[in-house]
Amino acid sequence: MSNEAHESNIVDQTTPVADEQVPEGEVGRVERSARVVLPDPEEESEDEPEEAFIEENRDFLAELPDETEDLELVHLKIGSLAPLRLPRFGAHLKRLCLRQNFISRLDPEIFQPLKKLQELDLYDNKVKHVEDALNDLPELSVLDLSFNLVKTVPEVLQRLPALRTVYFVQNRISKISNLQASVSLRSLELGGNKIRKIENLDALVNLEELWIGKNKITKLENLGTLKKLKILSLQSNRITKLENLEELDSLEELYLSHNGVQRIEGLEHNLKLTTLDLGNNFIPELENISHLTCLQELWMSNNKIPNLHALDSQLKHVTTLETLYLEGNPCQTEDMAGYRRKIILALPQLKQIDATYVKV
């Protein structure tokens, strides 16, 4: 591919902001963003190897202005960031997306000058260590290190005062740690790791979302200080008992599918729950949920519920309930003809039963 053809994939978009969207004193300011992606496969010559697209030592951002605020460098086979001279954007760059590259090292000399950076996306790279590369980034609020090779939660998180959202999906983290000073965190995603215990979350008093599905966690514990938690997801773990949730009175969504839960219990204080997912467990009875009068969705597929007798006492008065999943239970598999009709008669407020909407 010629240099001219390659450079045509760099788009510098300069768009005036409408007056009503601009804060007072900033009328006339422009938003600058650039997106660099591989060309459409149909445009590539079959004679030219894809590996030749990015020249490792060439600054293919050379024509972009220093005032660029948003950079997307996606799926470009980037191994080294040095040739891109990213520090020259330091006074203006707010969002840097480096998804699906070959980046293994984060150099402090490259990242620390980016003082205005608010979002850093390193999804699907080869990063093993963060170390001090992200020190002194006072405005960084979103960090995505999903699908990398990280083994521990980086200590540097404690030195990022504006951090609100962190993604560590599908890494090699075995222990929750280094979050003692991350008081500003609102959302923490640790799904797809090797974590065996919920711990060291006491300081996260402002946390609203905790995602730790697909780990090796055996017990619900150490969640008492998360008073503002609204979403808790522990799908695909090894939990057998619903417990220690009494302090989470702000909880709105609870996801515990694909565990070993044997009974619905321990939800007496979670009165704000709107979504409860207990699919693919070993629950033999619908019970202890009649007090959840804000419930909108109840997912109970693939458990051991033998009949629909408890629908009337547990759910009929819950006028907010719109969706109910019970497929894969004996109450469905052993009564295929009457299952759906019986639910409609018992719960006329429903709009959806399993994957099918209820006809009005």
Protein backbone atom coordinates (compact mmCIF):
# COMPACT_ATOMS: atom_id res chain seq x y z
CA MET A 1 0.00 0.00 0.00
CA SER A 2 1.40 3.43 -0.91
CA ASN A 3 1.92 6.14 1.69
CA GLU A 4 -0.79 8.21 0.01
CA ALA A 5 -3.32 5.40 0.32
CA HIS A 6 -2.38 4.83 3.95
CA GLU A 7 -2.65 8.49 4.88
CA SER A 8 -6.14 8.63 3.42
CA ASN A 9 -7.25 6.51 6.37
CA ILE A 10 -6.32 9.27 8.82
CA VAL A 11 -9.32 11.50 9.29
CA ASP A 12 -8.97 14.84 11.08
CA GLN A 13 -12.46 15.96 11.92
CA THR A 14 -12.84 19.59 12.97
CA THR A 15 -16.45 20.32 13.85
CA PRO A 16 -17.78 23.63 15.19
CA VAL A 17 -19.82 23.22 18.35
CA ALA A 18 -23.31 24.67 18.35
CA ASP A 19 -23.58 27.78 20.52
CA GLU A 20 -26.15 26.27 22.84
CA GLN A 21 -23.77 23.38 23.66
CA VAL A 22 -20.77 25.56 24.46
CA PRO A 23 -20.21 26.82 27.99
CA GLU A 24 -20.17 30.57 28.40
CA GLY A 25 -16.83 32.01 27.32
CA GLU A 26 -16.04 29.12 24.96
CA VAL A 27 -18.14 30.01 21.93
CA GLY A 28 -16.17 29.25 18.81
CA ARG A 29 -14.13 26.43 20.33
CA VAL A 30 -13.72 23.40 18.07
CA GLU A 31 -13.59 19.69 18.84
CA ARG A 32 -10.69 17.89 17.17
CA SER A 33 -10.52 14.15 16.75
CA ALA A 34 -8.66 11.70 14.59
CA ARG A 35 -9.35 8.05 13.89
CA VAL A 36 -6.84 5.68 12.35
CA VAL A 37 -8.00 2.22 11.33
CA LEU A 38 -7.01 -0.48 8.94
CA PRO A 39 -8.60 -0.03 5.49
CA ASP A 40 -11.64 -2.02 4.46
CA PRO A 41 -10.48 -5.53 3.48
CA GLU A 42 -12.17 -5.07 0.10
CA GLU A 43 -9.88 -2.12 -0.61
CA GLU A 44 -6.68 -4.01 0.14
CA SER A 45 -4.71 -5.53 -2.67
CA GLU A 46 -4.41 -9.28 -2.45
CA ASP A 47 -0.78 -8.93 -3.56
CA GLU A 48 0.27 -6.80 -0.58
CA PRO A 49 0.68 -8.41 2.85
CA GLU A 50 -1.29 -6.89 5.70
CA GLU A 51 1.86 -6.74 7.82
CA ALA A 52 3.22 -3.95 5.67
CA PHE A 53 0.41 -1.58 6.62
CA ILE A 54 2.14 0.00 9.58
CA GLU A 55 5.77 0.99 9.35
CA GLU A 56 7.14 0.59 12.86
CA ASN A 57 9.38 3.66 12.82
CA ARG A 58 7.16 6.12 10.98
CA ASP A 59 5.05 8.82 12.62
CA PHE A 60 1.79 8.36 10.76
CA LEU A 61 0.20 11.06 12.94
CA ALA A 62 2.59 13.70 11.65
CA GLU A 63 -0.08 15.70 9.84
CA LEU A 64 -2.41 15.94 12.84
CA PRO A 65 -2.43 19.22 14.80
CA ASP A 66 -1.09 19.36 18.34
CA GLU A 67 -4.59 20.46 19.41
CA THR A 68 -6.10 17.04 18.67
CA GLU A 69 -8.32 15.98 21.58
CA ASP A 70 -9.42 12.48 20.54
CA LEU A 71 -7.23 9.77 18.99
CA GLU A 72 -8.39 6.30 17.95
CA LEU A 73 -5.56 4.00 16.86
CA VAL A 74 -7.39 0.69 16.50
CA HIS A 75 -6.08 -2.64 15.19
CA LEU A 76 -2.93 -1.16 13.65
CA LYS A 77 -0.34 -3.70 14.82
CA ILE A 78 1.38 -0.99 16.86
CA GLY A 79 4.17 -2.39 19.02
CA SER A 80 6.04 0.78 19.96
CA LEU A 81 4.41 4.12 20.72
CA ALA A 82 7.63 6.14 20.58
CA PRO A 83 7.49 7.03 16.84
CA LEU A 84 4.01 8.54 17.24
CA ARG A 85 5.29 11.43 19.40
CA LEU A 86 2.16 11.35 21.57
CA PRO A 87 3.55 13.84 24.16
CA ARG A 88 3.12 16.68 21.65
CA PHE A 89 -0.66 16.29 22.11
CA GLY A 90 -0.28 16.58 25.90
CA ALA A 91 -1.86 19.99 26.30
CA HIS A 92 -5.08 18.96 24.58
CA LEU A 93 -5.52 15.17 24.27
CA LYS A 94 -8.52 13.94 26.30
CA ARG A 95 -9.20 10.50 24.87
CA LEU A 96 -6.68 7.94 23.59
CA CYS A 97 -7.87 4.62 22.20
CA LEU A 98 -5.18 2.02 21.42
CA ARG A 99 -7.37 -1.07 21.10
CA GLN A 100 -6.21 -4.29 19.49
CA ASN A 101 -2.54 -3.59 19.04
CA PHE A 102 0.69 -5.26 20.17
CA ILE A 103 1.64 -2.83 22.95
CA SER A 104 3.52 -4.56 25.77
CA ARG A 105 5.22 -1.65 27.55
CA LEU A 106 3.81 1.63 28.85
CA ASP A 107 6.57 4.23 28.88
CA PRO A 108 6.27 7.02 31.51
CA GLU A 109 7.96 9.46 29.11
CA ILE A 110 5.06 8.96 26.69
CA PHE A 111 2.08 8.95 29.05
CA GLN A 112 3.00 11.34 31.87
CA PRO A 113 2.99 14.45 29.62
CA LEU A 114 -0.66 13.73 28.73
CA LYS A 115 -1.98 15.84 31.61
CA LYS A 116 -5.42 16.42 30.05
CA LEU A 117 -6.09 12.74 29.36
CA GLN A 118 -9.50 11.62 30.62
CA GLU A 119 -9.92 8.23 28.92
CA LEU A 120 -7.26 5.63 28.09
CA ASP A 121 -8.30 2.48 26.26
CA LEU A 122 -5.71 -0.31 25.97
CA TYR A 123 -8.17 -3.15 25.40
CA ASP A 124 -6.63 -6.25 23.78
CA ASN A 125 -2.90 -5.62 23.87
CA LYS A 126 0.01 -7.40 25.54
CA VAL A 127 0.53 -5.24 28.62
CA LYS A 128 1.96 -7.09 31.62
CA HIS A 129 2.98 -4.21 33.88
CA VAL A 130 1.76 -0.64 34.28
CA GLU A 131 4.24 0.43 36.97
CA ASP A 132 4.66 4.24 37.04
CA ALA A 133 3.61 4.99 33.48
CA LEU A 134 0.28 6.50 34.51
CA ASN A 135 1.53 8.53 37.45
CA ASP A 136 0.39 12.13 37.67
CA LEU A 137 -2.55 12.02 35.27
CA PRO A 138 -4.88 14.22 37.34
CA GLU A 139 -7.90 14.04 34.99
CA LEU A 140 -7.87 10.35 34.00
CA SER A 141 -11.34 9.00 34.77
CA VAL A 142 -11.67 5.88 32.55
CA LEU A 143 -9.02 3.17 32.19
CA ASP A 144 -9.52 0.00 30.14
CA LEU A 145 -6.85 -2.71 30.42
CA SER A 146 -9.12 -5.60 29.46
CA PHE A 147 -7.70 -8.57 27.57
CA ASN A 148 -4.07 -8.02 28.51
CA LEU A 149 -1.59 -10.00 30.61
CA VAL A 150 -1.88 -8.10 33.90
CA LYS A 151 -1.34 -10.26 37.01
CA THR A 152 -2.05 -7.71 39.75
CA VAL A 153 -4.20 -4.62 40.09
CA PRO A 154 -1.67 -1.83 39.39
CA GLU A 155 -0.64 0.17 42.45
CA VAL A 156 -0.71 3.34 40.36
CA LEU A 157 -4.52 3.34 40.53
CA GLN A 158 -4.19 4.84 43.99
CA ARG A 159 -2.48 7.89 42.51
CA LEU A 160 -5.23 8.71 40.02
CA PRO A 161 -7.58 11.01 41.95
CA ALA A 162 -10.21 11.40 39.19
CA LEU A 163 -10.52 7.70 38.34
CA ARG A 164 -14.16 6.64 38.05
CA THR A 165 -14.27 3.53 35.84
CA VAL A 166 -11.75 0.68 35.52
CA TYR A 167 -11.90 -2.41 33.30
CA PHE A 168 -9.64 -5.43 33.89
CA VAL A 169 -11.67 -8.05 32.02
CA GLN A 170 -9.85 -11.25 31.07
CA ASN A 171 -6.45 -10.78 32.63
CA ARG A 172 -4.53 -12.96 35.10
CA ILE A 173 -5.38 -11.22 38.36
CA SER A 174 -5.61 -13.61 41.31
CA LYS A 175 -6.26 -11.15 44.14
CA ILE A 176 -8.17 -7.90 44.61
CA SER A 177 -5.63 -5.40 45.92
CA ASN A 178 -4.16 -1.89 45.63
CA LEU A 179 -7.51 -0.13 45.86
CA GLN A 180 -7.13 1.38 49.33
CA ALA A 181 -7.03 4.96 48.03
CA SER A 182 -9.39 4.61 45.07
CA VAL A 183 -12.26 6.37 46.84
CA SER A 184 -13.43 8.03 43.62
CA LEU A 185 -14.18 4.74 41.82
CA ARG A 186 -17.76 4.30 40.62
CA SER A 187 -17.38 1.14 38.49
CA LEU A 188 -14.91 -1.74 38.82
CA GLU A 189 -14.81 -4.62 36.31
CA LEU A 190 -12.68 -7.66 37.23
CA GLY A 191 -14.50 -10.35 35.28
CA GLY A 192 -12.65 -13.27 33.72
CA ASN A 193 -9.69 -13.47 36.08
CA LYS A 194 -8.49 -15.92 38.75
CA ILE A 195 -9.91 -14.25 41.85
CA ARG A 196 -10.94 -16.59 44.67
CA LYS A 197 -12.08 -14.13 47.34
CA ILE A 198 -13.94 -10.82 47.59
CA GLU A 199 -11.64 -8.65 49.69
CA ASN A 200 -9.91 -5.27 50.07
CA LEU A 201 -12.90 -3.25 48.85
CA ASP A 202 -13.55 -1.39 52.11
CA ALA A 203 -12.34 1.97 50.81
CA LEU A 204 -14.61 2.01 47.77
CA VAL A 205 -17.44 3.80 49.53
CA ASN A 206 -18.60 5.49 46.31
CA LEU A 207 -18.62 2.35 44.18
CA GLU A 208 -21.88 1.86 42.27
CA GLU A 209 -21.02 -1.10 40.03
CA LEU A 210 -18.95 -4.20 40.81
CA TRP A 211 -18.48 -6.79 38.07
CA ILE A 212 -16.51 -9.91 39.10
CA GLY A 213 -18.10 -12.66 37.05
CA LYS A 214 -16.22 -15.68 35.71
CA ASN A 215 -13.77 -16.05 38.57
CA LYS A 216 -13.38 -18.69 41.31
CA ILE A 217 -15.20 -16.95 44.15
CA THR A 218 -16.89 -19.28 46.66
CA LYS A 219 -18.52 -16.84 49.09
CA LEU A 220 -20.37 -13.53 49.21
CA GLU A 221 -18.42 -11.54 51.79
CA ASN A 222 -16.68 -8.25 52.64
CA LEU A 223 -19.24 -6.08 50.84
CA GLY A 224 -20.62 -4.20 53.85
CA THR A 225 -18.97 -0.84 53.18
CA LEU A 226 -20.28 -0.56 49.62
CA LYS A 227 -23.35 1.41 50.68
CA LYS A 228 -23.83 3.01 47.25
CA LEU A 229 -23.56 -0.19 45.24
CA LYS A 230 -26.35 -0.47 42.65
CA ILE A 231 -25.09 -3.33 40.46
CA LEU A 232 -23.40 -6.50 41.69
CA SER A 233 -22.48 -9.18 39.16
CA LEU A 234 -20.97 -12.51 40.21
CA GLN A 235 -22.06 -14.73 37.36
CA SER A 236 -20.11 -17.94 36.72
CA ASN A 237 -18.43 -18.34 40.09
CA ARG A 238 -18.72 -21.00 42.82
CA ILE A 239 -21.16 -19.38 45.22
CA THR A 240 -23.58 -21.72 47.01
CA LYS A 241 -25.36 -19.36 49.42
CA LEU A 242 -27.02 -15.93 49.25
CA GLU A 243 -25.65 -14.11 52.29
CA ASN A 244 -24.00 -10.94 53.62
CA LEU A 245 -26.03 -8.61 51.40
CA GLU A 246 -27.96 -6.89 54.20
CA GLU A 247 -25.83 -3.70 54.08
CA LEU A 248 -26.41 -3.22 50.34
CA ASP A 249 -29.74 -1.42 50.64
CA SER A 250 -29.07 0.62 47.47
CA LEU A 251 -28.68 -2.52 45.34
CA GLU A 252 -30.82 -2.47 42.19
CA GLU A 253 -29.39 -5.30 40.06
CA LEU A 254 -28.01 -8.63 41.29
CA TYR A 255 -26.57 -11.18 38.84
CA LEU A 256 -25.69 -14.63 40.21
CA SER A 257 -26.40 -17.01 37.34
CA HIS A 258 -24.23 -20.10 36.77
CA ASN A 259 -23.30 -20.65 40.40
CA GLY A 260 -24.29 -23.30 42.95
CA VAL A 261 -26.99 -21.37 44.85
CA GLN A 262 -29.43 -23.75 46.55
CA ARG A 263 -32.03 -21.38 47.99
CA ILE A 264 -33.42 -17.86 47.60
CA GLU A 265 -32.68 -16.13 50.89
CA GLY A 266 -30.83 -13.22 52.47
CA LEU A 267 -32.53 -10.49 50.43
CA GLU A 268 -34.66 -9.01 53.21
CA HIS A 269 -32.95 -5.60 53.10
CA ASN A 270 -32.48 -5.29 49.33
CA LEU A 271 -35.82 -3.59 48.74
CA LYS A 272 -34.69 -1.58 45.70
CA LEU A 273 -33.90 -4.62 43.57
CA THR A 274 -35.29 -4.26 40.05
CA THR A 275 -33.36 -7.15 38.44
CA LEU A 276 -32.59 -10.51 40.04
CA ASP A 277 -30.76 -13.13 37.97
CA LEU A 278 -30.46 -16.57 39.57
CA GLY A 279 -30.55 -18.64 36.40
CA ASN A 280 -28.62 -21.90 36.14
CA ASN A 281 -28.41 -22.69 39.83
CA PHE A 282 -29.97 -25.45 42.00
CA ILE A 283 -32.93 -23.60 43.48
CA PRO A 284 -35.94 -25.87 44.20
CA GLU A 285 -38.54 -23.26 45.15
CA LEU A 286 -39.70 -19.67 44.53
CA GLU A 287 -39.59 -18.14 48.01
CA ASN A 288 -38.51 -15.12 50.05
CA ILE A 289 -39.01 -12.57 47.26
CA SER A 290 -42.56 -11.33 47.95
CA HIS A 291 -41.12 -8.21 49.64
CA LEU A 292 -39.23 -7.15 46.48
CA THR A 293 -42.00 -4.86 45.27
CA CYS A 294 -39.75 -2.93 42.83
CA LEU A 295 -38.76 -6.05 40.91
CA GLN A 296 -39.00 -5.69 37.14
CA GLU A 297 -37.06 -8.72 35.89
CA LEU A 298 -36.68 -12.13 37.52
CA TRP A 299 -34.45 -14.68 35.80
CA MET A 300 -34.81 -18.23 37.18
CA SER A 301 -34.16 -20.43 34.13
CA ASN A 302 -32.61 -23.88 34.55
CA ASN A 303 -33.17 -24.44 38.24
CA LYS A 304 -35.21 -27.17 39.98
CA ILE A 305 -38.58 -25.48 40.47
CA PRO A 306 -41.22 -28.24 40.16
CA ASN A 307 -44.41 -26.21 39.76
CA LEU A 308 -45.91 -22.73 39.51
CA HIS A 309 -47.84 -22.77 42.80
CA ALA A 310 -45.75 -20.00 44.42
CA LEU A 311 -46.37 -17.43 41.68
CA ASP A 312 -49.53 -16.17 43.32
CA SER A 313 -48.11 -15.62 46.81
CA GLN A 314 -44.66 -14.44 45.78
CA LEU A 315 -45.20 -12.30 42.70
CA LYS A 316 -48.84 -11.51 41.89
CA HIS A 317 -48.83 -8.27 43.92
CA VAL A 318 -45.52 -7.09 42.40
CA THR A 319 -47.08 -4.76 39.85
CA THR A 320 -43.71 -3.64 38.49
CA LEU A 321 -42.76 -7.14 37.30
CA GLU A 322 -42.51 -7.26 33.51
CA THR A 323 -40.16 -10.15 32.68
CA LEU A 324 -40.01 -13.68 34.08
CA TYR A 325 -37.72 -16.50 32.95
CA LEU A 326 -38.54 -20.01 34.18
CA GLU A 327 -37.70 -22.17 31.17
CA GLY A 328 -35.57 -25.23 31.83
CA ASN A 329 -37.23 -25.91 35.19
CA PRO A 330 -39.43 -28.99 35.73
CA CYS A 331 -42.43 -26.65 35.83
CA GLN A 332 -41.79 -25.97 32.15
CA THR A 333 -40.21 -29.17 30.84
CA GLU A 334 -42.91 -31.38 32.38
CA ASP A 335 -45.84 -29.18 31.36
CA MET A 336 -44.97 -27.80 27.95
CA ALA A 337 -48.62 -27.32 26.94
CA GLY A 338 -49.89 -25.49 30.01
CA TYR A 339 -46.77 -23.72 31.30
CA ARG A 340 -47.11 -20.41 29.52
CA ARG A 341 -50.90 -20.13 29.92
CA LYS A 342 -50.67 -20.76 33.67
CA ILE A 343 -48.08 -18.01 34.11
CA ILE A 344 -50.20 -15.50 32.18
CA LEU A 345 -53.23 -16.28 34.34
CA ALA A 346 -51.23 -16.00 37.56
CA LEU A 347 -49.26 -12.86 36.60
CA PRO A 348 -51.27 -10.69 34.21
CA GLN A 349 -48.81 -7.80 34.66
CA LEU A 350 -46.08 -9.62 32.70
CA LYS A 351 -44.96 -8.34 29.31
CA GLN A 352 -42.44 -11.10 28.63
CA ILE A 353 -42.21 -14.78 29.56
CA ASP A 354 -38.81 -16.27 28.79
CA ALA A 355 -37.74 -14.97 25.38
CA THR A 356 -41.27 -14.31 24.10
CA TYR A 357 -43.40 -11.23 24.61
CA VAL A 358 -46.90 -11.65 25.99
CA LYS A 359 -49.63 -10.79 23.48
CA VAL A 360 -51.91 -8.07 24.72
